[in-house]
Amino acid sequence: MRLDKFLKVSRIIKRRPIAKLVVDGGKVKLDGKVVKAAAEVKVGQILEIEYYNKYFKFEILQVPLGNVSKDKTSDLVKLLETKGLDIEINLDKDEDFFE
């Protein structure tokens, strides 16, 4: 199954076009490597995602053949780690931003 579809089916990201944007933006890794939306997902892989200002790390437990019910999505992945990311914004008044 394609990575963007897996993210949608597992409900990690609710819409496939958003999943594709996040993946193609370099915010998703499979087994430590940045991948594209068309990458194939396999059982046992480690999935890392930076989404908004959060970091998630999952282990892929199952890859379904198609869509699954909301009740069964928790069987697809195991959450290994989550943390907030610090976003650094420089609002120095000498910048052109305030002009």
PDB file of N, CA and C in Angstrom:
ATOM      1  N   MET A   1       0.845  -1.177   0.000  1.00  0.00           N
ATOM      2  CA  MET A   1       0.000   0.000   0.000  1.00  0.00           C
ATOM      3  C   MET A   1       0.891   1.242   0.000  1.00  0.00           C
ATOM      4  N   ARG A   2       0.491   2.235  -0.753  1.00  0.00           N
ATOM      5  CA  ARG A   2       1.226   3.500  -0.793  1.00  0.00           C
ATOM      6  C   ARG A   2       1.193   4.176   0.576  1.00  0.00           C
ATOM      7  N   LEU A   3       2.241   4.901   0.881  1.00  0.00           N
ATOM      8  CA  LEU A   3       2.352   5.575   2.171  1.00  0.00           C
ATOM      9  C   LEU A   3       1.236   6.586   2.383  1.00  0.00           C
ATOM     10  N   ASP A   4       0.935   7.421   1.380  1.00  0.00           N
ATOM     11  CA  ASP A   4      -0.112   8.428   1.562  1.00  0.00           C
ATOM     12  C   ASP A   4      -1.469   7.782   1.829  1.00  0.00           C
ATOM     13  N   LYS A   5      -1.760   6.680   1.160  1.00  0.00           N
ATOM     14  CA  LYS A   5      -3.020   5.976   1.408  1.00  0.00           C
ATOM     15  C   LYS A   5      -3.021   5.338   2.796  1.00  0.00           C
ATOM     16  N   PHE A   6      -1.898   4.768   3.219  1.00  0.00           N
ATOM     17  CA  PHE A   6      -1.813   4.165   4.551  1.00  0.00           C
ATOM     18  C   PHE A   6      -2.060   5.214   5.639  1.00  0.00           C
ATOM     19  N   LEU A   7      -1.494   6.401   5.478  1.00  0.00           N
ATOM     20  CA  LEU A   7      -1.699   7.464   6.465  1.00  0.00           C
ATOM     21  C   LEU A   7      -3.174   7.823   6.578  1.00  0.00           C
ATOM     22  N   LYS A   8      -3.889   7.814   5.458  1.00  0.00           N
ATOM     23  CA  LYS A   8      -5.315   8.118   5.470  1.00  0.00           C
ATOM     24  C   LYS A   8      -6.123   6.959   6.057  1.00  0.00           C
ATOM     25  N   VAL A   9      -5.843   5.730   5.600  1.00  0.00           N
ATOM     26  CA  VAL A   9      -6.595   4.555   6.062  1.00  0.00           C
ATOM     27  C   VAL A   9      -6.417   4.351   7.565  1.00  0.00           C
ATOM     28  N   SER A  10      -5.210   4.583   8.057  1.00  0.00           N
ATOM     29  CA  SER A  10      -4.938   4.411   9.490  1.00  0.00           C
ATOM     30  C   SER A  10      -5.425   5.601  10.314  1.00  0.00           C
ATOM     31  N   ARG A  11      -5.887   6.621   9.632  1.00  0.00           N
ATOM     32  CA  ARG A  11      -6.397   7.855  10.243  1.00  0.00           C
ATOM     33  C   ARG A  11      -5.325   8.622  11.026  1.00  0.00           C
ATOM     34  N   ILE A  12      -4.055   8.425  10.666  1.00  0.00           N
ATOM     35  CA  ILE A  12      -2.990   9.251  11.233  1.00  0.00           C
ATOM     36  C   ILE A  12      -3.145  10.661  10.683  1.00  0.00           C
ATOM     37  N   ILE A  13      -3.413  10.753   9.383  1.00  0.00           N
ATOM     38  CA  ILE A  13      -3.769  12.017   8.732  1.00  0.00           C
ATOM     39  C   ILE A  13      -5.099  11.758   8.040  1.00  0.00           C
ATOM     40  N   LYS A  14      -6.070  12.623   8.256  1.00  0.00           N
ATOM     41  CA  LYS A  14      -7.449  12.336   7.872  1.00  0.00           C
ATOM     42  C   LYS A  14      -7.735  12.365   6.368  1.00  0.00           C
ATOM     43  N   ARG A  15      -6.988  13.160   5.606  1.00  0.00           N
ATOM     44  CA  ARG A  15      -7.260  13.274   4.170  1.00  0.00           C
ATOM     45  C   ARG A  15      -6.017  12.924   3.360  1.00  0.00           C
ATOM     46  N   ARG A  16      -6.205  12.165   2.298  1.00  0.00           N
ATOM     47  CA  ARG A  16      -5.073  11.709   1.484  1.00  0.00           C
ATOM     48  C   ARG A  16      -4.309  12.856   0.817  1.00  0.00           C
ATOM     49  N   PRO A  17      -4.976  13.889   0.282  1.00  0.00           N
ATOM     50  CA  PRO A  17      -4.198  14.996  -0.306  1.00  0.00           C
ATOM     51  C   PRO A  17      -3.299  15.692   0.720  1.00  0.00           C
ATOM     52  N   ILE A  18      -3.769  15.795   1.955  1.00  0.00           N
ATOM     53  CA  ILE A  18      -2.947  16.390   3.016  1.00  0.00           C
ATOM     54  C   ILE A  18      -1.782  15.457   3.332  1.00  0.00           C
ATOM     55  N   ALA A  19      -2.047  14.162   3.387  1.00  0.00           N
ATOM     56  CA  ALA A  19      -0.983  13.183   3.640  1.00  0.00           C
ATOM     57  C   ALA A  19       0.088  13.280   2.558  1.00  0.00           C
ATOM     58  N   LYS A  20      -0.326  13.422   1.307  1.00  0.00           N
ATOM     59  CA  LYS A  20       0.632  13.535   0.200  1.00  0.00           C
ATOM     60  C   LYS A  20       1.481  14.793   0.345  1.00  0.00           C
ATOM     61  N   LEU A  21       0.857  15.905   0.726  1.00  0.00           N
ATOM     62  CA  LEU A  21       1.605  17.153   0.926  1.00  0.00           C
ATOM     63  C   LEU A  21       2.631  17.020   2.045  1.00  0.00           C
ATOM     64  N   VAL A  22       2.234  16.411   3.146  1.00  0.00           N
ATOM     65  CA  VAL A  22       3.138  16.241   4.286  1.00  0.00           C
ATOM     66  C   VAL A  22       4.309  15.338   3.899  1.00  0.00           C
ATOM     67  N   VAL A  23       4.012  14.234   3.222  1.00  0.00           N
ATOM     68  CA  VAL A  23       5.068  13.295   2.822  1.00  0.00           C
ATOM     69  C   VAL A  23       6.010  13.942   1.811  1.00  0.00           C
ATOM     70  N   ASP A  24       5.460  14.554   0.773  1.00  0.00           N
ATOM     71  CA  ASP A  24       6.292  15.174  -0.262  1.00  0.00           C
ATOM     72  C   ASP A  24       7.044  16.394   0.259  1.00  0.00           C
ATOM     73  N   GLY A  25       6.613  16.933   1.388  1.00  0.00           N
ATOM     74  CA  GLY A  25       7.322  18.042   2.027  1.00  0.00           C
ATOM     75  C   GLY A  25       8.511  17.587   2.860  1.00  0.00           C
ATOM     76  N   GLY A  26       8.794  16.293   2.863  1.00  0.00           N
ATOM     77  CA  GLY A  26       9.956  15.771   3.578  1.00  0.00           C
ATOM     78  C   GLY A  26       9.751  15.604   5.068  1.00  0.00           C
ATOM     79  N   LYS A  27       8.503  15.557   5.508  1.00  0.00           N
ATOM     80  CA  LYS A  27       8.195  15.467   6.936  1.00  0.00           C
ATOM     81  C   LYS A  27       7.929  14.046   7.419  1.00  0.00           C
ATOM     82  N   VAL A  28       8.092  13.061   6.536  1.00  0.00           N
ATOM     83  CA  VAL A  28       7.806  11.673   6.898  1.00  0.00           C
ATOM     84  C   VAL A  28       9.012  10.801   6.552  1.00  0.00           C
ATOM     85  N   LYS A  29       9.351   9.907   7.477  1.00  0.00           N
ATOM     86  CA  LYS A  29      10.455   8.965   7.261  1.00  0.00           C
ATOM     87  C   LYS A  29       9.957   7.544   7.493  1.00  0.00           C
ATOM     88  N   LEU A  30      10.462   6.632   6.677  1.00  0.00           N
ATOM     89  CA  LEU A  30      10.253   5.204   6.886  1.00  0.00           C
ATOM     90  C   LEU A  30      11.614   4.596   7.159  1.00  0.00           C
ATOM     91  N   ASP A  31      11.755   3.963   8.302  1.00  0.00           N
ATOM     92  CA  ASP A  31      13.033   3.362   8.711  1.00  0.00           C
ATOM     93  C   ASP A  31      14.186   4.357   8.626  1.00  0.00           C
ATOM     94  N   GLY A  32      13.909   5.607   9.009  1.00  0.00           N
ATOM     95  CA  GLY A  32      14.950   6.629   9.074  1.00  0.00           C
ATOM     96  C   GLY A  32      15.254   7.339   7.770  1.00  0.00           C
ATOM     97  N   LYS A  33      14.577   6.983   6.682  1.00  0.00           N
ATOM     98  CA  LYS A  33      14.831   7.612   5.385  1.00  0.00           C
ATOM     99  C   LYS A  33      13.633   8.438   4.950  1.00  0.00           C
ATOM    100  N   VAL A  34      13.889   9.654   4.462  1.00  0.00           N
ATOM    101  CA  VAL A  34      12.820  10.479   3.905  1.00  0.00           C
ATOM    102  C   VAL A  34      12.330   9.790   2.636  1.00  0.00           C
ATOM    103  N   VAL A  35      11.014   9.669   2.508  1.00  0.00           N
ATOM    104  CA  VAL A  35      10.429   8.937   1.382  1.00  0.00           C
ATOM    105  C   VAL A  35       9.389   9.790   0.665  1.00  0.00           C
ATOM    106  N   LYS A  36       8.929   9.291  -0.470  1.00  0.00           N
ATOM    107  CA  LYS A  36       7.878   9.954  -1.239  1.00  0.00           C
ATOM    108  C   LYS A  36       6.538   9.296  -0.936  1.00  0.00           C
ATOM    109  N   ALA A  37       5.459   9.949  -1.361  1.00  0.00           N
ATOM    110  CA  ALA A  37       4.108   9.467  -1.088  1.00  0.00           C
ATOM    111  C   ALA A  37       3.840   8.095  -1.698  1.00  0.00           C
ATOM    112  N   ALA A  38       4.520   7.763  -2.777  1.00  0.00           N
ATOM    113  CA  ALA A  38       4.294   6.488  -3.459  1.00  0.00           C
ATOM    114  C   ALA A  38       5.073   5.328  -2.837  1.00  0.00           C
ATOM    115  N   ALA A  39       5.855   5.576  -1.798  1.00  0.00           N
ATOM    116  CA  ALA A  39       6.641   4.514  -1.157  1.00  0.00           C
ATOM    117  C   ALA A  39       5.710   3.433  -0.613  1.00  0.00           C
ATOM    118  N   GLU A  40       6.117   2.184  -0.759  1.00  0.00           N
ATOM    119  CA  GLU A  40       5.325   1.057  -0.264  1.00  0.00           C
ATOM    120  C   GLU A  40       5.569   0.858   1.233  1.00  0.00           C
ATOM    121  N   VAL A  41       4.489   0.664   1.962  1.00  0.00           N
ATOM    122  CA  VAL A  41       4.546   0.449   3.410  1.00  0.00           C
ATOM    123  C   VAL A  41       4.530  -1.051   3.675  1.00  0.00           C
ATOM    124  N   LYS A  42       5.377  -1.498   4.618  1.00  0.00           N
ATOM    125  CA  LYS A  42       5.450  -2.919   4.966  1.00  0.00           C
ATOM    126  C   LYS A  42       5.353  -3.093   6.480  1.00  0.00           C
ATOM    127  N   VAL A  43       4.876  -4.231   6.896  1.00  0.00           N
ATOM    128  CA  VAL A  43       4.775  -4.559   8.320  1.00  0.00           C
ATOM    129  C   VAL A  43       6.169  -4.537   8.936  1.00  0.00           C
ATOM    130  N   GLY A  44       6.266  -3.947  10.133  1.00  0.00           N
ATOM    131  CA  GLY A  44       7.528  -3.903  10.859  1.00  0.00           C
ATOM    132  C   GLY A  44       8.331  -2.632  10.636  1.00  0.00           C
ATOM    133  N   GLN A  45       7.944  -1.831   9.653  1.00  0.00           N
ATOM    134  CA  GLN A  45       8.672  -0.587   9.412  1.00  0.00           C
ATOM    135  C   GLN A  45       8.370   0.424  10.510  1.00  0.00           C
ATOM    136  N   ILE A  46       9.331   1.337  10.716  1.00  0.00           N
ATOM    137  CA  ILE A  46       9.164   2.428  11.672  1.00  0.00           C
ATOM    138  C   ILE A  46       8.814   3.684  10.881  1.00  0.00           C
ATOM    139  N   LEU A  47       7.718   4.307  11.248  1.00  0.00           N
ATOM    140  CA  LEU A  47       7.192   5.484  10.572  1.00  0.00           C
ATOM    141  C   LEU A  47       7.356   6.690  11.488  1.00  0.00           C
ATOM    142  N   GLU A  48       8.045   7.728  11.005  1.00  0.00           N
ATOM    143  CA  GLU A  48       8.240   8.956  11.772  1.00  0.00           C
ATOM    144  C   GLU A  48       7.588  10.110  11.022  1.00  0.00           C
ATOM    145  N   ILE A  49       6.830  10.931  11.745  1.00  0.00           N
ATOM    146  CA  ILE A  49       6.101  12.033  11.118  1.00  0.00           C
ATOM    147  C   ILE A  49       6.275  13.302  11.937  1.00  0.00           C
ATOM    148  N   GLU A  50       6.578  14.397  11.254  1.00  0.00           N
ATOM    149  CA  GLU A  50       6.505  15.737  11.840  1.00  0.00           C
ATOM    150  C   GLU A  50       5.270  16.375  11.235  1.00  0.00           C
ATOM    151  N   TYR A  51       4.271  16.603  12.069  1.00  0.00           N
ATOM    152  CA  TYR A  51       2.995  17.121  11.588  1.00  0.00           C
ATOM    153  C   TYR A  51       2.576  18.258  12.497  1.00  0.00           C
ATOM    154  N   TYR A  52       2.390  19.428  11.910  1.00  0.00           N
ATOM    155  CA  TYR A  52       2.219  20.674  12.647  1.00  0.00           C
ATOM    156  C   TYR A  52       3.431  20.832  13.557  1.00  0.00           C
ATOM    157  N   ASN A  53       3.258  20.995  14.833  1.00  0.00           N
ATOM    158  CA  ASN A  53       4.420  21.159  15.719  1.00  0.00           C
ATOM    159  C   ASN A  53       4.613  19.931  16.611  1.00  0.00           C
ATOM    160  N   LYS A  54       4.277  18.756  16.074  1.00  0.00           N
ATOM    161  CA  LYS A  54       4.421  17.524  16.843  1.00  0.00           C
ATOM    162  C   LYS A  54       5.215  16.491  16.057  1.00  0.00           C
ATOM    163  N   TYR A  55       5.838  15.587  16.797  1.00  0.00           N
ATOM    164  CA  TYR A  55       6.609  14.479  16.225  1.00  0.00           C
ATOM    165  C   TYR A  55       5.981  13.179  16.708  1.00  0.00           C
ATOM    166  N   PHE A  56       5.746  12.270  15.784  1.00  0.00           N
ATOM    167  CA  PHE A  56       5.181  10.969  16.117  1.00  0.00           C
ATOM    168  C   PHE A  56       6.070   9.877  15.543  1.00  0.00           C
ATOM    169  N   LYS A  57       6.201   8.793  16.303  1.00  0.00           N
ATOM    170  CA  LYS A  57       6.953   7.627  15.830  1.00  0.00           C
ATOM    171  C   LYS A  57       6.064   6.402  16.029  1.00  0.00           C
ATOM    172  N   PHE A  58       5.821   5.675  14.943  1.00  0.00           N
ATOM    173  CA  PHE A  58       4.944   4.513  14.962  1.00  0.00           C
ATOM    174  C   PHE A  58       5.681   3.287  14.451  1.00  0.00           C
ATOM    175  N   GLU A  59       5.235   2.121  14.912  1.00  0.00           N
ATOM    176  CA  GLU A  59       5.630   0.860  14.292  1.00  0.00           C
ATOM    177  C   GLU A  59       4.418   0.366  13.516  1.00  0.00           C
ATOM    178  N   ILE A  60       4.624  -0.043  12.275  1.00  0.00           N
ATOM    179  CA  ILE A  60       3.524  -0.529  11.445  1.00  0.00           C
ATOM    180  C   ILE A  60       3.292  -2.001  11.775  1.00  0.00           C
ATOM    181  N   LEU A  61       2.086  -2.304  12.265  1.00  0.00           N
ATOM    182  CA  LEU A  61       1.740  -3.661  12.686  1.00  0.00           C
ATOM    183  C   LEU A  61       1.006  -4.442  11.604  1.00  0.00           C
ATOM    184  N   GLN A  62       0.173  -3.744  10.823  1.00  0.00           N
ATOM    185  CA  GLN A  62      -0.600  -4.381   9.758  1.00  0.00           C
ATOM    186  C   GLN A  62      -0.727  -3.418   8.593  1.00  0.00           C
ATOM    187  N   VAL A  63      -0.760  -3.973   7.400  1.00  0.00           N
ATOM    188  CA  VAL A  63      -1.042  -3.180   6.201  1.00  0.00           C
ATOM    189  C   VAL A  63      -2.316  -3.762   5.593  1.00  0.00           C
ATOM    190  N   PRO A  64      -3.432  -3.036   5.672  1.00  0.00           N
ATOM    191  CA  PRO A  64      -4.694  -3.568   5.164  1.00  0.00           C
ATOM    192  C   PRO A  64      -4.720  -3.583   3.633  1.00  0.00           C
ATOM    193  N   LEU A  65      -5.609  -4.378   3.081  1.00  0.00           N
ATOM    194  CA  LEU A  65      -5.765  -4.428   1.627  1.00  0.00           C
ATOM    195  C   LEU A  65      -6.596  -3.259   1.113  1.00  0.00           C
ATOM    196  N   GLY A  66      -7.436  -2.705   1.973  1.00  0.00           N
ATOM    197  CA  GLY A  66      -8.292  -1.584   1.584  1.00  0.00           C
ATOM    198  C   GLY A  66      -8.627  -0.760   2.809  1.00  0.00           C
ATOM    199  N   ASN A  67      -9.782  -0.118   2.764  1.00  0.00           N
ATOM    200  CA  ASN A  67     -10.215   0.691   3.900  1.00  0.00           C
ATOM    201  C   ASN A  67     -10.587  -0.201   5.079  1.00  0.00           C
ATOM    202  N   VAL A  68     -10.448   0.360   6.284  1.00  0.00           N
ATOM    203  CA  VAL A  68     -10.823  -0.365   7.499  1.00  0.00           C
ATOM    204  C   VAL A  68     -11.746   0.513   8.333  1.00  0.00           C
ATOM    205  N   SER A  69     -12.518  -0.127   9.200  1.00  0.00           N
ATOM    206  CA  SER A  69     -13.421   0.636  10.054  1.00  0.00           C
ATOM    207  C   SER A  69     -12.624   1.406  11.102  1.00  0.00           C
ATOM    208  N   LYS A  70     -13.242   2.438  11.616  1.00  0.00           N
ATOM    209  CA  LYS A  70     -12.587   3.295  12.605  1.00  0.00           C
ATOM    210  C   LYS A  70     -12.144   2.495  13.829  1.00  0.00           C
ATOM    211  N   ASP A  71     -12.926   1.501  14.214  1.00  0.00           N
ATOM    212  CA  ASP A  71     -12.612   0.683  15.391  1.00  0.00           C
ATOM    213  C   ASP A  71     -11.333  -0.138  15.214  1.00  0.00           C
ATOM    214  N   LYS A  72     -10.997  -0.479  13.982  1.00  0.00           N
ATOM    215  CA  LYS A  72      -9.849  -1.354  13.736  1.00  0.00           C
ATOM    216  C   LYS A  72      -8.571  -0.602  13.383  1.00  0.00           C
ATOM    217  N   THR A  73      -8.617   0.722  13.318  1.00  0.00           N
ATOM    218  CA  THR A  73      -7.413   1.477  12.949  1.00  0.00           C
ATOM    219  C   THR A  73      -6.324   1.357  14.006  1.00  0.00           C
ATOM    220  N   SER A  74      -6.698   1.150  15.254  1.00  0.00           N
ATOM    221  CA  SER A  74      -5.686   1.025  16.315  1.00  0.00           C
ATOM    222  C   SER A  74      -4.863  -0.258  16.168  1.00  0.00           C
ATOM    223  N   ASP A  75      -5.350  -1.220  15.376  1.00  0.00           N
ATOM    224  CA  ASP A  75      -4.603  -2.458  15.137  1.00  0.00           C
ATOM    225  C   ASP A  75      -3.516  -2.288  14.077  1.00  0.00           C
ATOM    226  N   LEU A  76      -3.530  -1.175  13.352  1.00  0.00           N
ATOM    227  CA  LEU A  76      -2.604  -0.984  12.232  1.00  0.00           C
ATOM    228  C   LEU A  76      -1.234  -0.486  12.671  1.00  0.00           C
ATOM    229  N   VAL A  77      -1.200   0.372  13.686  1.00  0.00           N
ATOM    230  CA  VAL A  77       0.070   0.959  14.127  1.00  0.00           C
ATOM    231  C   VAL A  77       0.168   0.938  15.646  1.00  0.00           C
ATOM    232  N   LYS A  78       1.397   1.007  16.123  1.00  0.00           N
ATOM    233  CA  LYS A  78       1.669   1.123  17.558  1.00  0.00           C
ATOM    234  C   LYS A  78       2.454   2.412  17.747  1.00  0.00           C
ATOM    235  N   LEU A  79       1.954   3.305  18.586  1.00  0.00           N
ATOM    236  CA  LEU A  79       2.635   4.567  18.861  1.00  0.00           C
ATOM    237  C   LEU A  79       3.825   4.298  19.771  1.00  0.00           C
ATOM    238  N   LEU A  80       5.020   4.636  19.294  1.00  0.00           N
ATOM    239  CA  LEU A  80       6.239   4.410  20.066  1.00  0.00           C
ATOM    240  C   LEU A  80       6.689   5.659  20.806  1.00  0.00           C
ATOM    241  N   GLU A  81       6.484   6.820  20.187  1.00  0.00           N
ATOM    242  CA  GLU A  81       6.988   8.064  20.778  1.00  0.00           C
ATOM    243  C   GLU A  81       6.203   9.245  20.221  1.00  0.00           C
ATOM    244  N   THR A  82       6.019  10.242  21.053  1.00  0.00           N
ATOM    245  CA  THR A  82       5.415  11.491  20.612  1.00  0.00           C
ATOM    246  C   THR A  82       6.018  12.622  21.427  1.00  0.00           C
ATOM    247  N   LYS A  83       6.214  13.756  20.778  1.00  0.00           N
ATOM    248  CA  LYS A  83       6.726  14.920  21.498  1.00  0.00           C
ATOM    249  C   LYS A  83       6.386  16.179  20.723  1.00  0.00           C
ATOM    250  N   GLY A  84       6.358  17.279  21.432  1.00  0.00           N
ATOM    251  CA  GLY A  84       6.155  18.569  20.791  1.00  0.00           C
ATOM    252  C   GLY A  84       7.469  19.074  20.232  1.00  0.00           C
ATOM    253  N   LEU A  85       7.393  19.789  19.134  1.00  0.00           N
ATOM    254  CA  LEU A  85       8.588  20.362  18.522  1.00  0.00           C
ATOM    255  C   LEU A  85       8.644  21.846  18.837  1.00  0.00           C
ATOM    256  N   ASP A  86       9.838  22.339  19.124  1.00  0.00           N
ATOM    257  CA  ASP A  86      10.021  23.766  19.348  1.00  0.00           C
ATOM    258  C   ASP A  86      10.136  24.451  17.998  1.00  0.00           C
ATOM    259  N   ILE A  87       9.322  25.451  17.803  1.00  0.00           N
ATOM    260  CA  ILE A  87       9.377  26.229  16.570  1.00  0.00           C
ATOM    261  C   ILE A  87      10.017  27.559  16.900  1.00  0.00           C
ATOM    262  N   GLU A  88      11.075  27.860  16.181  1.00  0.00           N
ATOM    263  CA  GLU A  88      11.817  29.087  16.439  1.00  0.00           C
ATOM    264  C   GLU A  88      11.380  30.160  15.449  1.00  0.00           C
ATOM    265  N   ILE A  89      10.877  31.261  15.970  1.00  0.00           N
ATOM    266  CA  ILE A  89      10.457  32.381  15.135  1.00  0.00           C
ATOM    267  C   ILE A  89      11.250  33.599  15.560  1.00  0.00           C
ATOM    268  N   ASN A  90      11.911  34.218  14.613  1.00  0.00           N
ATOM    269  CA  ASN A  90      12.707  35.403  14.894  1.00  0.00           C
ATOM    270  C   ASN A  90      11.893  36.634  14.517  1.00  0.00           C
ATOM    271  N   LEU A  91      11.446  37.374  15.511  1.00  0.00           N
ATOM    272  CA  LEU A  91      10.669  38.584  15.269  1.00  0.00           C
ATOM    273  C   LEU A  91      11.474  39.821  15.649  1.00  0.00           C
ATOM    274  N   ASP A  92      12.688  39.868  15.182  1.00  0.00           N
ATOM    275  CA  ASP A  92      13.560  41.007  15.428  1.00  0.00           C
ATOM    276  C   ASP A  92      12.987  42.226  14.716  1.00  0.00           C
ATOM    277  N   LYS A  93      12.817  43.326  15.427  1.00  0.00           N
ATOM    278  CA  LYS A  93      12.188  44.516  14.852  1.00  0.00           C
ATOM    279  C   LYS A  93      13.033  45.170  13.767  1.00  0.00           C
ATOM    280  N   ASP A  94      14.278  44.765  13.640  1.00  0.00           N
ATOM    281  CA  ASP A  94      15.127  45.319  12.591  1.00  0.00           C
ATOM    282  C   ASP A  94      14.869  44.644  11.243  1.00  0.00           C
ATOM    283  N   GLU A  95      14.094  43.593  11.227  1.00  0.00           N
ATOM    284  CA  GLU A  95      13.815  42.858   9.991  1.00  0.00           C
ATOM    285  C   GLU A  95      12.808  43.629   9.137  1.00  0.00           C
ATOM    286  N   ASP A  96      12.730  43.294   7.865  1.00  0.00           N
ATOM    287  CA  ASP A  96      11.801  43.924   6.928  1.00  0.00           C
ATOM    288  C   ASP A  96      10.351  43.561   7.224  1.00  0.00           C
ATOM    289  N   PHE A  97      10.125  42.553   8.045  1.00  0.00           N
ATOM    290  CA  PHE A  97       8.783  42.081   8.361  1.00  0.00           C
ATOM    291  C   PHE A  97       7.892  43.197   8.898  1.00  0.00           C
ATOM    292  N   PHE A  98       8.464  44.118   9.681  1.00  0.00           N
ATOM    293  CA  PHE A  98       7.672  45.158  10.327  1.00  0.00           C
ATOM    294  C   PHE A  98       7.588  46.436   9.502  1.00  0.00           C
ATOM    295  N   GLU A  99       8.152  46.458   8.329  1.00  0.00           N
ATOM    296  CA  GLU A  99       8.128  47.678   7.510  1.00  0.00           C
ATOM    297  C   GLU A  99       6.963  47.696   6.578  1.00  0.00           C
TER     298      GLU A  99
END
